[in-house]
Amino acid sequence: LAVQGHSHIEFVIGDAHGLEDHILQACHGRISL
């Protein structure tokens, strides 16, 4: 990501029920810990 010029990364952690679909769709990627 740094090589591609992405100097600002935002990780998003939802509430106890996770993140709604519209928030997930606004993200560029999803990871599972």
All heavy atoms as atom14 arrays in JSON, in Angstrom:
{
  "sequence": "LAVQGHSHIEFVIGDAHGLEDHILQACHGRISL",
  "atom14_mask": [
    [1, 1, 1, 1, 1, 1, 1, 1, 0, 0, 0, 0, 0, 0],
    [1, 1, 1, 1, 1, 0, 0, 0, 0, 0, 0, 0, 0, 0],
    [1, 1, 1, 1, 1, 1, 1, 0, 0, 0, 0, 0, 0, 0],
    [1, 1, 1, 1, 1, 1, 1, 1, 1, 0, 0, 0, 0, 0],
    [1, 1, 1, 1, 0, 0, 0, 0, 0, 0, 0, 0, 0, 0],
    [1, 1, 1, 1, 1, 1, 1, 1, 1, 1, 0, 0, 0, 0],
    [1, 1, 1, 1, 1, 1, 0, 0, 0, 0, 0, 0, 0, 0],
    [1, 1, 1, 1, 1, 1, 1, 1, 1, 1, 0, 0, 0, 0],
    [1, 1, 1, 1, 1, 1, 1, 1, 0, 0, 0, 0, 0, 0],
    [1, 1, 1, 1, 1, 1, 1, 1, 1, 0, 0, 0, 0, 0],
    [1, 1, 1, 1, 1, 1, 1, 1, 1, 1, 1, 0, 0, 0],
    [1, 1, 1, 1, 1, 1, 1, 0, 0, 0, 0, 0, 0, 0],
    [1, 1, 1, 1, 1, 1, 1, 1, 0, 0, 0, 0, 0, 0],
    [1, 1, 1, 1, 0, 0, 0, 0, 0, 0, 0, 0, 0, 0],
    [1, 1, 1, 1, 1, 1, 1, 1, 0, 0, 0, 0, 0, 0],
    [1, 1, 1, 1, 1, 0, 0, 0, 0, 0, 0, 0, 0, 0],
    [1, 1, 1, 1, 1, 1, 1, 1, 1, 1, 0, 0, 0, 0],
    [1, 1, 1, 1, 0, 0, 0, 0, 0, 0, 0, 0, 0, 0],
    [1, 1, 1, 1, 1, 1, 1, 1, 0, 0, 0, 0, 0, 0],
    [1, 1, 1, 1, 1, 1, 1, 1, 1, 0, 0, 0, 0, 0],
    [1, 1, 1, 1, 1, 1, 1, 1, 0, 0, 0, 0, 0, 0],
    [1, 1, 1, 1, 1, 1, 1, 1, 1, 1, 0, 0, 0, 0],
    [1, 1, 1, 1, 1, 1, 1, 1, 0, 0, 0, 0, 0, 0],
    [1, 1, 1, 1, 1, 1, 1, 1, 0, 0, 0, 0, 0, 0],
    [1, 1, 1, 1, 1, 1, 1, 1, 1, 0, 0, 0, 0, 0],
    [1, 1, 1, 1, 1, 0, 0, 0, 0, 0, 0, 0, 0, 0],
    [1, 1, 1, 1, 1, 1, 0, 0, 0, 0, 0, 0, 0, 0],
    [1, 1, 1, 1, 1, 1, 1, 1, 1, 1, 0, 0, 0, 0],
    [1, 1, 1, 1, 0, 0, 0, 0, 0, 0, 0, 0, 0, 0],
    [1, 1, 1, 1, 1, 1, 1, 1, 1, 1, 1, 0, 0, 0],
    [1, 1, 1, 1, 1, 1, 1, 1, 0, 0, 0, 0, 0, 0],
    [1, 1, 1, 1, 1, 1, 0, 0, 0, 0, 0, 0, 0, 0],
    [1, 1, 1, 1, 1, 1, 1, 1, 0, 0, 0, 0, 0, 0]
  ],
  "atom14_positions": [
    [[0.84, -1.2, 0.0], [0.0, 0.0, 0.0], [0.87, 1.25, 0.0], [0.58, 2.21, -0.72], [-0.95, 0.0, 1.2], [-2.11, -0.98, 1.12], [-2.85, -1.05, 2.45], [-3.07, -0.6, 0.0], [0.0, 0.0, 0.0], [0.0, 0.0, 0.0], [0.0, 0.0, 0.0], [0.0, 0.0, 0.0], [0.0, 0.0, 0.0], [0.0, 0.0, 0.0]],
    [[1.94, 1.23, 0.79], [2.86, 2.38, 0.82], [3.51, 2.58, -0.55], [3.6, 3.72, -1.03], [3.91, 2.17, 1.9], [0.0, 0.0, 0.0], [0.0, 0.0, 0.0], [0.0, 0.0, 0.0], [0.0, 0.0, 0.0], [0.0, 0.0, 0.0], [0.0, 0.0, 0.0], [0.0, 0.0, 0.0], [0.0, 0.0, 0.0], [0.0, 0.0, 0.0]],
    [[3.94, 1.5, -1.19], [4.57, 1.59, -2.51], [3.58, 2.15, -3.54], [3.96, 2.91, -4.43], [5.11, 0.21, -2.95], [5.5, 0.19, -4.41], [6.28, -0.21, -2.07], [0.0, 0.0, 0.0], [0.0, 0.0, 0.0], [0.0, 0.0, 0.0], [0.0, 0.0, 0.0], [0.0, 0.0, 0.0], [0.0, 0.0, 0.0], [0.0, 0.0, 0.0]],
    [[2.31, 1.8, -3.38], [1.27, 2.27, -4.31], [0.83, 3.71, -4.01], [-0.03, 4.25, -4.69], [0.06, 1.34, -4.25], [0.34, -0.05, -4.74], [-0.77, -1.03, -4.37], [-1.83, -0.65, -3.87], [-0.53, -2.31, -4.6], [0.0, 0.0, 0.0], [0.0, 0.0, 0.0], [0.0, 0.0, 0.0], [0.0, 0.0, 0.0], [0.0, 0.0, 0.0]],
    [[1.42, 4.32, -2.99], [1.12, 5.71, -2.69], [0.02, 5.93, -1.67], [-0.43, 7.07, -1.48], [0.0, 0.0, 0.0], [0.0, 0.0, 0.0], [0.0, 0.0, 0.0], [0.0, 0.0, 0.0], [0.0, 0.0, 0.0], [0.0, 0.0, 0.0], [0.0, 0.0, 0.0], [0.0, 0.0, 0.0], [0.0, 0.0, 0.0], [0.0, 0.0, 0.0]],
    [[-0.4, 4.88, -1.01], [-1.43, 5.04, 0.04], [-0.73, 5.36, 1.36], [-0.28, 4.48, 2.07], [-2.26, 3.76, 0.18], [-3.02, 3.41, -1.05], [-4.13, 4.13, -1.46], [-2.84, 2.44, -1.97], [-4.59, 3.6, -2.58], [-3.83, 2.58, -2.9], [0.0, 0.0, 0.0], [0.0, 0.0, 0.0], [0.0, 0.0, 0.0], [0.0, 0.0, 0.0]],
    [[-0.65, 6.64, 1.66], [0.06, 7.07, 2.86], [-0.83, 7.14, 4.09], [-0.34, 7.32, 5.19], [0.72, 8.42, 2.62], [-0.26, 9.39, 2.29], [0.0, 0.0, 0.0], [0.0, 0.0, 0.0], [0.0, 0.0, 0.0], [0.0, 0.0, 0.0], [0.0, 0.0, 0.0], [0.0, 0.0, 0.0], [0.0, 0.0, 0.0], [0.0, 0.0, 0.0]],
    [[-2.12, 7.02, 3.89], [-3.08, 7.1, 5.0], [-3.98, 5.86, 4.96], [-4.7, 5.65, 3.99], [-3.92, 8.37, 4.88], [-4.88, 8.56, 6.01], [-5.87, 9.5, 5.95], [-5.01, 7.96, 7.22], [-6.59, 9.46, 7.07], [-6.07, 8.53, 7.84], [0.0, 0.0, 0.0], [0.0, 0.0, 0.0], [0.0, 0.0, 0.0], [0.0, 0.0, 0.0]],
    [[-3.9, 5.07, 6.01], [-4.71, 3.85, 6.11], [-5.66, 4.0, 7.29], [-5.26, 4.44, 8.37], [-3.82, 2.61, 6.3], [-2.89, 2.45, 5.1], [-4.67, 1.36, 6.5], [-1.8, 1.44, 5.29], [0.0, 0.0, 0.0], [0.0, 0.0, 0.0], [0.0, 0.0, 0.0], [0.0, 0.0, 0.0], [0.0, 0.0, 0.0], [0.0, 0.0, 0.0]],
    [[-6.91, 3.64, 7.06], [-7.9, 3.63, 8.13], [-8.39, 2.2, 8.34], [-8.92, 1.58, 7.41], [-9.08, 4.54, 7.8], [-8.73, 6.01, 7.85], [-9.91, 6.92, 7.53], [-10.59, 6.69, 6.51], [-10.12, 7.86, 8.3], [0.0, 0.0, 0.0], [0.0, 0.0, 0.0], [0.0, 0.0, 0.0], [0.0, 0.0, 0.0], [0.0, 0.0, 0.0]],
    [[-8.17, 1.69, 9.53], [-8.74, 0.4, 9.93], [-10.04, 0.68, 10.66], [-10.11, 1.64, 11.45], [-7.79, -0.35, 10.87], [-6.58, -0.93, 10.2], [-5.38, -0.25, 10.21], [-6.63, -2.17, 9.56], [-4.24, -0.78, 9.6], [-5.51, -2.71, 8.95], [-4.31, -2.01, 8.97], [0.0, 0.0, 0.0], [0.0, 0.0, 0.0], [0.0, 0.0, 0.0]],
    [[-11.05, -0.15, 10.42], [-12.36, 0.07, 11.02], [-12.8, -1.16, 11.8], [-12.79, -2.28, 11.27], [-13.43, 0.38, 9.94], [-14.73, 0.79, 10.58], [-12.94, 1.45, 8.99], [0.0, 0.0, 0.0], [0.0, 0.0, 0.0], [0.0, 0.0, 0.0], [0.0, 0.0, 0.0], [0.0, 0.0, 0.0], [0.0, 0.0, 0.0], [0.0, 0.0, 0.0]],
    [[-13.16, -0.94, 13.06], [-13.66, -2.01, 13.93], [-15.07, -1.62, 14.36], [-15.26, -0.57, 14.98], [-12.77, -2.2, 15.17], [-11.32, -2.46, 14.78], [-13.32, -3.32, 16.05], [-10.35, -2.43, 15.96], [0.0, 0.0, 0.0], [0.0, 0.0, 0.0], [0.0, 0.0, 0.0], [0.0, 0.0, 0.0], [0.0, 0.0, 0.0], [0.0, 0.0, 0.0]],
    [[-16.04, -2.45, 14.04], [-17.42, -2.16, 14.38], [-17.77, -2.51, 15.81], [-16.9, -2.84, 16.63], [0.0, 0.0, 0.0], [0.0, 0.0, 0.0], [0.0, 0.0, 0.0], [0.0, 0.0, 0.0], [0.0, 0.0, 0.0], [0.0, 0.0, 0.0], [0.0, 0.0, 0.0], [0.0, 0.0, 0.0], [0.0, 0.0, 0.0], [0.0, 0.0, 0.0]],
    [[-19.05, -2.45, 16.1], [-19.52, -2.78, 17.44], [-19.63, -4.3, 17.59], [-19.13, -5.06, 16.75], [-20.85, -2.08, 17.73], [-21.99, -2.51, 16.81], [-21.89, -3.56, 16.14], [-23.0, -1.78, 16.77], [0.0, 0.0, 0.0], [0.0, 0.0, 0.0], [0.0, 0.0, 0.0], [0.0, 0.0, 0.0], [0.0, 0.0, 0.0], [0.0, 0.0, 0.0]],
    [[-20.28, -4.74, 18.64], [-20.39, -6.17, 18.93], [-21.08, -6.96, 17.81], [-20.91, -8.17, 17.72], [-21.12, -6.38, 20.25], [0.0, 0.0, 0.0], [0.0, 0.0, 0.0], [0.0, 0.0, 0.0], [0.0, 0.0, 0.0], [0.0, 0.0, 0.0], [0.0, 0.0, 0.0], [0.0, 0.0, 0.0], [0.0, 0.0, 0.0], [0.0, 0.0, 0.0]],
    [[-21.82, -6.27, 16.96], [-22.52, -6.94, 15.85], [-21.78, -6.82, 14.53], [-22.28, -7.22, 13.49], [-23.93, -6.36, 15.71], [-24.73, -6.47, 16.97], [-25.21, -7.67, 17.46], [-25.09, -5.54, 17.87], [-25.84, -7.46, 18.6], [-25.78, -6.17, 18.87], [0.0, 0.0, 0.0], [0.0, 0.0, 0.0], [0.0, 0.0, 0.0], [0.0, 0.0, 0.0]],
    [[-20.58, -6.25, 14.57], [-19.81, -6.1, 13.35], [-20.15, -4.81, 12.62], [-20.66, -3.87, 13.21], [0.0, 0.0, 0.0], [0.0, 0.0, 0.0], [0.0, 0.0, 0.0], [0.0, 0.0, 0.0], [0.0, 0.0, 0.0], [0.0, 0.0, 0.0], [0.0, 0.0, 0.0], [0.0, 0.0, 0.0], [0.0, 0.0, 0.0], [0.0, 0.0, 0.0]],
    [[-19.88, -4.79, 11.33], [-20.12, -3.62, 10.49], [-21.23, -3.91, 9.49], [-21.3, -5.01, 8.93], [-18.84, -3.24, 9.73], [-17.68, -2.77, 10.6], [-16.37, -2.78, 9.81], [-17.96, -1.38, 11.15], [0.0, 0.0, 0.0], [0.0, 0.0, 0.0], [0.0, 0.0, 0.0], [0.0, 0.0, 0.0], [0.0, 0.0, 0.0], [0.0, 0.0, 0.0]],
    [[-22.08, -2.93, 9.25], [-23.16, -3.09, 8.29], [-22.6, -3.14, 6.87], [-21.5, -2.65, 6.6], [-24.17, -1.93, 8.4], [-24.99, -1.96, 9.67], [-24.34, -1.16, 10.81], [-23.25, -0.59, 10.59], [-24.91, -1.13, 11.9], [0.0, 0.0, 0.0], [0.0, 0.0, 0.0], [0.0, 0.0, 0.0], [0.0, 0.0, 0.0], [0.0, 0.0, 0.0]],
    [[-23.38, -3.71, 5.97], [-22.95, -3.88, 4.58], [-22.52, -2.57, 3.92], [-21.53, -2.54, 3.2], [-24.05, -4.54, 3.74], [-24.16, -6.03, 4.01], [-23.2, -6.63, 4.52], [-25.22, -6.6, 3.7], [0.0, 0.0, 0.0], [0.0, 0.0, 0.0], [0.0, 0.0, 0.0], [0.0, 0.0, 0.0], [0.0, 0.0, 0.0], [0.0, 0.0, 0.0]],
    [[-23.25, -1.49, 4.16], [-22.9, -0.23, 3.49], [-21.54, 0.3, 3.96], [-20.83, 0.94, 3.19], [-24.0, 0.83, 3.65], [-24.19, 1.34, 5.04], [-24.86, 0.62, 6.01], [-23.79, 2.49, 5.62], [-24.86, 1.32, 7.14], [-24.22, 2.45, 6.93], [0.0, 0.0, 0.0], [0.0, 0.0, 0.0], [0.0, 0.0, 0.0], [0.0, 0.0, 0.0]],
    [[-21.15, -0.01, 5.19], [-19.83, 0.39, 5.67], [-18.77, -0.52, 5.05], [-17.73, -0.06, 4.58], [-19.76, 0.36, 7.2], [-20.75, 1.37, 7.79], [-18.34, 0.64, 7.68], [-20.93, 1.28, 9.29], [0.0, 0.0, 0.0], [0.0, 0.0, 0.0], [0.0, 0.0, 0.0], [0.0, 0.0, 0.0], [0.0, 0.0, 0.0], [0.0, 0.0, 0.0]],
    [[-19.04, -1.82, 5.03], [-18.1, -2.77, 4.4], [-17.87, -2.42, 2.94], [-16.75, -2.5, 2.44], [-18.62, -4.2, 4.55], [-18.64, -4.77, 5.97], [-19.37, -6.11, 5.99], [-17.23, -4.91, 6.52], [0.0, 0.0, 0.0], [0.0, 0.0, 0.0], [0.0, 0.0, 0.0], [0.0, 0.0, 0.0], [0.0, 0.0, 0.0], [0.0, 0.0, 0.0]],
    [[-18.92, -2.02, 2.24], [-18.8, -1.68, 0.82], [-18.0, -0.4, 0.61], [-17.41, -0.21, -0.45], [-20.19, -1.56, 0.19], [-20.88, -2.91, 0.08], [-22.34, -2.8, -0.33], [-22.84, -1.72, -0.63], [-23.03, -3.93, -0.32], [0.0, 0.0, 0.0], [0.0, 0.0, 0.0], [0.0, 0.0, 0.0], [0.0, 0.0, 0.0], [0.0, 0.0, 0.0]],
    [[-17.97, 0.47, 1.6], [-17.19, 1.71, 1.49], [-15.69, 1.47, 1.72], [-14.88, 2.35, 1.44], [-17.71, 2.74, 2.5], [0.0, 0.0, 0.0], [0.0, 0.0, 0.0], [0.0, 0.0, 0.0], [0.0, 0.0, 0.0], [0.0, 0.0, 0.0], [0.0, 0.0, 0.0], [0.0, 0.0, 0.0], [0.0, 0.0, 0.0], [0.0, 0.0, 0.0]],
    [[-15.36, 0.28, 2.18], [-13.96, -0.05, 2.46], [-13.31, -0.67, 1.22], [-13.97, -1.29, 0.4], [-13.86, -1.01, 3.64], [-14.37, -0.25, 5.19], [0.0, 0.0, 0.0], [0.0, 0.0, 0.0], [0.0, 0.0, 0.0], [0.0, 0.0, 0.0], [0.0, 0.0, 0.0], [0.0, 0.0, 0.0], [0.0, 0.0, 0.0], [0.0, 0.0, 0.0]],
    [[-12.0, -0.5, 1.12], [-11.24, -1.05, 0.0], [-10.83, -2.5, 0.24], [-10.48, -3.21, -0.7], [-10.0, -0.21, -0.25], [-10.32, 1.22, -0.53], [-10.19, 2.21, 0.41], [-10.76, 1.81, -1.65], [-10.55, 3.36, -0.11], [-10.91, 3.15, -1.37], [0.0, 0.0, 0.0], [0.0, 0.0, 0.0], [0.0, 0.0, 0.0], [0.0, 0.0, 0.0]],
    [[-10.83, -2.92, 1.48], [-10.44, -4.28, 1.81], [-11.03, -4.69, 3.15], [-11.5, -3.86, 3.92], [0.0, 0.0, 0.0], [0.0, 0.0, 0.0], [0.0, 0.0, 0.0], [0.0, 0.0, 0.0], [0.0, 0.0, 0.0], [0.0, 0.0, 0.0], [0.0, 0.0, 0.0], [0.0, 0.0, 0.0], [0.0, 0.0, 0.0], [0.0, 0.0, 0.0]],
    [[-11.0, -6.0, 3.37], [-11.49, -6.57, 4.62], [-10.51, -7.63, 5.07], [-10.08, -8.45, 4.26], [-12.85, -7.24, 4.44], [-13.93, -6.35, 3.94], [-15.2, -7.15, 3.74], [-16.13, -6.41, 2.89], [-17.31, -6.85, 2.53], [-17.72, -8.03, 2.94], [-18.09, -6.12, 1.78], [0.0, 0.0, 0.0], [0.0, 0.0, 0.0], [0.0, 0.0, 0.0]],
    [[-10.17, -7.61, 6.34], [-9.31, -8.66, 6.88], [-9.97, -9.26, 8.11], [-10.76, -8.62, 8.79], [-7.89, -8.15, 7.23], [-7.93, -7.08, 8.3], [-7.16, -7.68, 5.99], [-6.57, -6.75, 8.89], [0.0, 0.0, 0.0], [0.0, 0.0, 0.0], [0.0, 0.0, 0.0], [0.0, 0.0, 0.0], [0.0, 0.0, 0.0], [0.0, 0.0, 0.0]],
    [[-9.64, -10.51, 8.35], [-10.08, -11.21, 9.55], [-8.85, -11.47, 10.4], [-7.84, -11.98, 9.91], [-10.74, -12.54, 9.16], [-11.01, -13.3, 10.31], [0.0, 0.0, 0.0], [0.0, 0.0, 0.0], [0.0, 0.0, 0.0], [0.0, 0.0, 0.0], [0.0, 0.0, 0.0], [0.0, 0.0, 0.0], [0.0, 0.0, 0.0], [0.0, 0.0, 0.0]],
    [[-8.94, -11.12, 11.67], [-7.82, -11.37, 12.57], [-7.71, -12.85, 12.93], [-6.64, -13.33, 13.26], [-7.96, -10.54, 13.85], [-7.87, -9.03, 13.68], [-8.13, -8.33, 15.0], [-6.52, -8.63, 13.11], [0.0, 0.0, 0.0], [0.0, 0.0, 0.0], [0.0, 0.0, 0.0], [0.0, 0.0, 0.0], [0.0, 0.0, 0.0], [0.0, 0.0, 0.0]]
  ]
}
